[in-house]
Structures are given as C-alpha cells and as structure tokens.
C-alpha cells in the first residue's frame, strides 16, 4: 500500500508545524494548507487518505470547506480539529459530514491515535471490495455494514429501505419511474403497487432528509417517479 497522504489545514503556523512534524515522524506524506480556499482546492483536486481540517480559517470558514467537499461527493475521511468545543459546534460538524472531532488543546499522542484510527478504518473499507458508503446532506449510509446516521445520530433503516436507496443512488440524477423502481428493488413481476414505492420514499425522507417536507436529495419527478442526487 502506498504511503498515506494527509491534507493538513491549519492557519496557526506553530500548531501546524507541530502537527505536520508529528505526522511526518509517523511516515505520513503531508500537504499543508493555511486557508479555506486552498484547502477546498486541494481537497477537490488531490486524493488524500485523510483531511485534517481546522474550522477557524481565513478566506473560507472550515465548515464551509467541509460542506462543499461533501456536496462534491468527496468521501475522504475528515478529522475536524478546532477550538470550538461546544456541543452545538460538534453537532453541526457531524451534520455536514465530519468523521471525527478533536478539540484544542490536545496532546499530539491523542491526535496521532485519532489519525491512525481513521486511516485504519478507511483502508479496511477500501480493501473490502470498494467503499459502499453514501454521503448526502448530513446523512451517511454504509451499505456494507448496514448502518446509517444523520449527523451523529444513528438511523434505523429497513432492509428494503437500504435496497431502495442503493438502487436510486446507482442511478443518480436519473428520473426513475415507479415501475422501474419496483422492478429494480422488489423484483420483476412483483405484485406490489406503486403506493409501496411512495410509502418507502416517504419513510426515507423522514429518516435522512434535513426537512422531509421539502426534500432536496430524494426528489419527486412530476408524472414520472423519483430522482436521487447528492447535490441539492
């Protein structure tokens, strides 16, 4: 396996240098960014194994960087490092797609342990035949492990709901008829009705959309059926 590559985003020079030195001492390949705009550009154009992201950044706030990366379907794990330790700040970070959160001040030993844990999980996911994790809005769904959460709260999906979401995601951006969804999820020749699809979509929205009454990812297509898109 190639050397792990880490994108380190921190505007405080002394903190960034200490973190970068610690990471390099562990054998990681580290790229540094000191502002939000540069972090976003590198996150979209390179292929890091982990992004370590401060929140209080010049040019673009770290939460905005996080939001844009996830909206552009960047699945790289993101470890948020910040002085914002309030629960509401953490919840917002998780809702936008953060994988872990460490609050300043922290020990370098704890930081390196968090990094190693994230990378181990990432390697395991990629080594199991491809990452089967879907992120959209504040939701994260792992089809392999059959787990889901919105923000930091677990969400319980039925097997049929996992299959339905997987089918929609595999045709992202396409308007699918209810008949096509029935055939693809419930099986060709199924005697279930179109109403079953409507009910399943309603339940998915309740569980995974930020505002179920105004869905932005699991959308209705008038006269046809439904469309899924990760980007609002």
Protein backbone atom coordinates (compact mmCIF):
# COMPACT_ATOMS: atom_id res chain seq x y z
CA UNK A 1 0.00 0.00 0.00
CA UNK A 2 1.26 3.47 -0.83
CA UNK A 3 2.27 5.90 1.86
CA UNK A 4 -0.77 7.52 3.42
CA UNK A 5 -1.31 11.07 2.22
CA UNK A 6 -2.76 13.64 4.59
CA UNK A 7 -4.03 17.13 3.82
CA UNK A 8 -3.41 19.27 6.91
CA UNK A 9 -5.39 22.52 7.06
CA UNK A 10 -4.39 24.90 9.87
CA UNK A 11 -3.66 28.63 9.74
CA UNK A 12 -1.72 28.88 13.02
CA UNK A 13 1.90 28.35 12.00
CA UNK A 14 3.17 26.96 15.31
CA UNK A 15 0.29 24.47 15.64
CA UNK A 16 0.52 23.44 12.00
CA UNK A 17 4.27 22.86 12.19
CA UNK A 18 3.93 20.74 15.33
CA UNK A 19 1.16 18.64 13.79
CA UNK A 20 2.99 18.27 10.46
CA UNK A 21 6.22 17.23 12.18
CA UNK A 22 4.36 14.66 14.28
CA UNK A 23 2.62 13.23 11.20
CA UNK A 24 5.81 13.05 9.17
CA UNK A 25 7.59 11.34 12.05
CA UNK A 26 4.99 8.57 11.69
CA UNK A 27 5.78 8.23 7.99
CA UNK A 28 2.82 10.12 6.52
CA UNK A 29 3.06 12.23 3.38
CA UNK A 30 1.72 15.64 4.45
CA UNK A 31 0.43 18.50 2.30
CA UNK A 32 -0.25 21.75 4.16
CA UNK A 33 -2.85 24.45 3.57
CA UNK A 34 -3.29 27.66 5.55
CA UNK A 35 -6.66 28.96 4.34
CA UNK A 36 -10.06 27.65 3.38
CA UNK A 37 -9.92 28.37 -0.34
CA UNK A 38 -6.64 26.49 -0.73
CA UNK A 39 -7.95 23.62 1.39
CA UNK A 40 -11.03 23.26 -0.80
CA UNK A 41 -8.95 23.32 -3.99
CA UNK A 42 -6.58 20.64 -2.70
CA UNK A 43 -9.40 18.54 -1.30
CA UNK A 44 -11.10 18.50 -4.70
CA UNK A 45 -8.03 18.10 -6.91
CA UNK A 46 -5.85 15.66 -4.96
CA UNK A 47 -6.53 12.27 -3.47
CA UNK A 48 -5.63 12.40 0.23
CA UNK A 49 -6.38 9.49 2.55
CA UNK A 50 -7.36 11.89 5.33
CA UNK A 51 -8.13 15.60 5.67
CA UNK A 52 -7.30 17.26 8.99
CA UNK A 53 -9.40 20.43 8.97
CA UNK A 54 -9.34 23.42 11.29
CA UNK A 55 -12.59 25.41 11.40
CA UNK A 56 -11.41 28.97 12.00
CA UNK A 57 -9.67 29.76 8.71
CA UNK A 58 -9.08 32.85 6.58
CA UNK A 59 -10.82 33.26 3.20
CA UNK A 60 -13.34 30.49 3.87
CA UNK A 61 -14.60 29.00 7.15
CA UNK A 62 -13.73 25.36 7.74
CA UNK A 63 -17.40 24.37 7.97
CA UNK A 64 -17.95 25.81 4.51
CA UNK A 65 -14.98 23.84 3.22
CA UNK A 66 -16.46 20.71 4.79
CA UNK A 67 -19.89 21.37 3.29
CA UNK A 68 -18.52 21.94 -0.21
CA UNK A 69 -16.30 18.85 -0.12
CA UNK A 70 -19.21 16.62 0.83
CA UNK A 71 -21.52 18.24 -1.71
CA UNK A 72 -18.93 17.43 -4.37
CA UNK A 73 -19.04 13.79 -3.21
CA UNK A 74 -15.54 13.77 -1.70
CA UNK A 75 -15.66 10.71 0.57
CA UNK A 76 -12.21 11.14 2.12
CA UNK A 77 -12.49 10.93 5.92
CA UNK A 78 -12.29 14.35 7.59
CA UNK A 79 -10.94 14.90 11.10
CA UNK A 80 -12.03 18.30 12.39
CA UNK A 81 -9.51 19.99 14.69
CA UNK A 82 -10.73 23.15 16.37
CA UNK A 83 -11.01 25.29 19.46
CA UNK A 84 -14.80 25.22 19.13
CA UNK A 85 -15.71 22.71 21.80
CA UNK A 86 -19.41 23.42 22.28
CA UNK A 87 -21.78 20.55 21.61
CA UNK A 88 -23.68 22.59 19.01
CA UNK A 89 -20.45 23.13 17.06
CA UNK A 90 -19.71 19.41 17.10
CA UNK A 91 -23.22 18.52 16.01
CA UNK A 92 -23.01 20.95 13.11
CA UNK A 93 -19.68 19.48 12.03
CA UNK A 94 -21.03 15.93 12.12
CA UNK A 95 -24.16 17.01 10.27
CA UNK A 96 -22.03 18.41 7.47
CA UNK A 97 -20.07 15.16 7.15
CA UNK A 98 -17.16 15.21 9.62
CA UNK A 99 -15.93 11.74 10.60
CA UNK A 100 -14.24 12.72 13.85
CA UNK A 101 -13.72 15.79 16.02
CA UNK A 102 -10.83 16.74 18.31
CA UNK A 103 -10.85 19.92 20.42
CA UNK A 104 -7.83 22.12 21.12
CA UNK A 105 -5.77 21.94 23.22
CA UNK A 106 -4.95 18.27 22.70
CA UNK A 107 -1.88 16.07 23.02
CA UNK A 108 -0.01 15.02 19.90
CA UNK A 109 -0.31 11.43 21.10
CA UNK A 110 -4.11 11.66 21.07
CA UNK A 111 -4.04 13.40 17.69
CA UNK A 112 -1.87 10.68 16.15
CA UNK A 113 -4.10 7.98 17.63
CA UNK A 114 -7.17 9.60 16.04
CA UNK A 115 -5.37 9.83 12.70
CA UNK A 116 -4.29 6.19 12.83
CA UNK A 117 -7.81 5.07 13.72
CA UNK A 118 -9.37 6.98 10.82
CA UNK A 119 -6.82 5.66 8.34
CA UNK A 120 -7.25 2.08 9.53
CA UNK A 121 -11.00 2.30 9.01
CA UNK A 122 -10.51 3.90 5.57
CA UNK A 123 -8.08 1.15 4.49
CA UNK A 124 -10.50 -1.53 5.69
CA UNK A 125 -13.39 -0.01 3.73
CA UNK A 126 -11.37 0.29 0.53
CA UNK A 127 -9.93 -3.18 0.91
CA UNK A 128 -13.33 -4.86 1.18
CA UNK A 129 -14.11 -4.53 -2.49
CA UNK A 130 -14.79 -0.83 -2.70
CA UNK A 131 -16.24 1.72 -0.36
CA UNK A 132 -20.00 1.32 -0.13
CA UNK A 133 -20.70 4.48 1.79
CA UNK A 134 -23.08 7.14 0.54
CA UNK A 135 -22.98 10.71 1.85
CA UNK A 136 -25.55 13.37 1.13
CA UNK A 137 -26.54 16.38 3.16
CA UNK A 138 -25.88 15.37 6.75
CA UNK A 139 -26.58 11.67 6.16
CA UNK A 140 -24.04 8.86 5.94
CA UNK A 141 -25.20 5.39 4.87
CA UNK A 142 -22.89 2.37 4.87
CA UNK A 143 -24.50 -0.31 2.71
CA UNK A 144 -21.90 -2.95 3.58
CA UNK A 145 -22.25 -2.63 7.35
CA UNK A 146 -25.94 -1.74 7.05
CA UNK A 147 -25.60 1.30 9.26
CA UNK A 148 -26.86 4.83 8.80
CA UNK A 149 -26.76 8.10 10.66
CA UNK A 150 -27.84 11.66 10.28
CA UNK A 151 -25.33 13.97 11.93
CA UNK A 152 -24.13 11.98 14.93
CA UNK A 153 -27.49 10.25 15.48
CA UNK A 154 -27.96 6.65 14.32
CA UNK A 155 -30.84 6.00 11.95
CA UNK A 156 -32.62 2.67 11.63
CA UNK A 157 -33.35 1.66 8.04
CA UNK A 158 -35.18 -1.48 6.98
CA UNK A 159 -33.50 -3.88 4.51
CA UNK A 160 -35.93 -2.68 1.85
CA UNK A 161 -35.01 0.96 2.53
CA UNK A 162 -31.31 0.17 2.16
CA UNK A 163 -32.03 -1.58 -1.14
CA UNK A 164 -34.20 1.28 -2.35
CA UNK A 165 -31.61 3.92 -1.54
CA UNK A 166 -28.85 1.84 -3.11
CA UNK A 167 -30.90 1.45 -6.30
CA UNK A 168 -31.65 5.18 -6.50
CA UNK A 169 -28.00 6.09 -5.83
CA UNK A 170 -26.80 3.72 -8.57
CA UNK A 171 -28.91 5.78 -11.00
CA UNK A 172 -28.04 9.16 -9.50
CA UNK A 173 -29.51 12.11 -11.38
CA UNK A 174 -31.91 9.99 -13.43
CA UNK A 175 -35.68 10.25 -13.19
CA UNK A 176 -36.90 6.73 -12.41
CA UNK A 177 -40.48 5.62 -12.84
CA UNK A 178 -42.25 3.83 -10.02
CA UNK A 179 -42.46 0.75 -12.23
CA UNK A 180 -38.68 0.78 -12.77
CA UNK A 181 -38.10 1.16 -9.04
CA UNK A 182 -40.50 -1.71 -8.30
CA UNK A 183 -38.67 -3.96 -10.76
CA UNK A 184 -35.24 -2.94 -9.51
CA UNK A 185 -35.93 -3.20 -5.78
CA UNK A 186 -38.91 -5.50 -5.28
CA UNK A 187 -38.23 -7.67 -8.33
CA UNK A 188 -39.62 -8.02 -11.83
CA UNK A 189 -43.19 -9.28 -11.69
CA UNK A 190 -43.74 -8.18 -8.12
CA UNK A 191 -47.39 -7.81 -7.25
CA UNK A 192 -46.75 -4.80 -5.01
CA UNK A 193 -48.30 -1.50 -6.04
CA UNK A 194 -46.81 1.90 -6.79
CA UNK A 195 -48.07 3.02 -3.39
CA UNK A 196 -45.41 0.83 -1.77
CA UNK A 197 -42.73 2.91 -3.50
CA UNK A 198 -44.37 6.14 -2.35
CA UNK A 199 -44.50 4.96 1.26
CA UNK A 200 -40.89 3.79 1.20
CA UNK A 201 -39.75 7.12 -0.21
CA UNK A 202 -41.74 8.97 2.44
CA UNK A 203 -40.01 6.96 5.17
CA UNK A 204 -36.54 7.52 3.68
CA UNK A 205 -37.17 11.26 3.61
CA UNK A 206 -38.31 11.28 7.22
CA UNK A 207 -35.15 9.47 8.28
CA UNK A 208 -32.49 11.05 6.07
CA UNK A 209 -33.61 14.45 4.76
CA UNK A 210 -33.00 17.58 6.87
CA UNK A 211 -36.50 18.80 6.01
CA UNK A 212 -38.62 15.80 4.94
CA UNK A 213 -41.45 18.03 3.76
CA UNK A 214 -39.02 19.84 1.44
CA UNK A 215 -36.60 17.13 0.27
CA UNK A 216 -33.54 18.19 -1.69
CA UNK A 217 -31.96 14.77 -2.35
CA UNK A 218 -34.86 12.31 -2.61
CA UNK A 219 -36.96 14.29 -5.07
CA UNK A 220 -40.28 13.63 -6.76
CA UNK A 221 -40.43 13.97 -10.55
CA UNK A 222 -43.92 15.00 -11.59
CA UNK A 223 -45.60 12.46 -13.83
CA UNK A 224 -42.68 10.01 -13.63
CA UNK A 225 -41.48 8.96 -10.20
CA UNK A 226 -38.35 9.88 -8.25
CA UNK A 227 -34.79 11.10 -8.63
CA UNK A 228 -31.85 10.93 -6.21
CA UNK A 229 -28.98 13.39 -6.21
CA UNK A 230 -26.26 14.04 -3.64
CA UNK A 231 -26.07 17.72 -4.55
CA UNK A 232 -29.07 19.88 -3.64
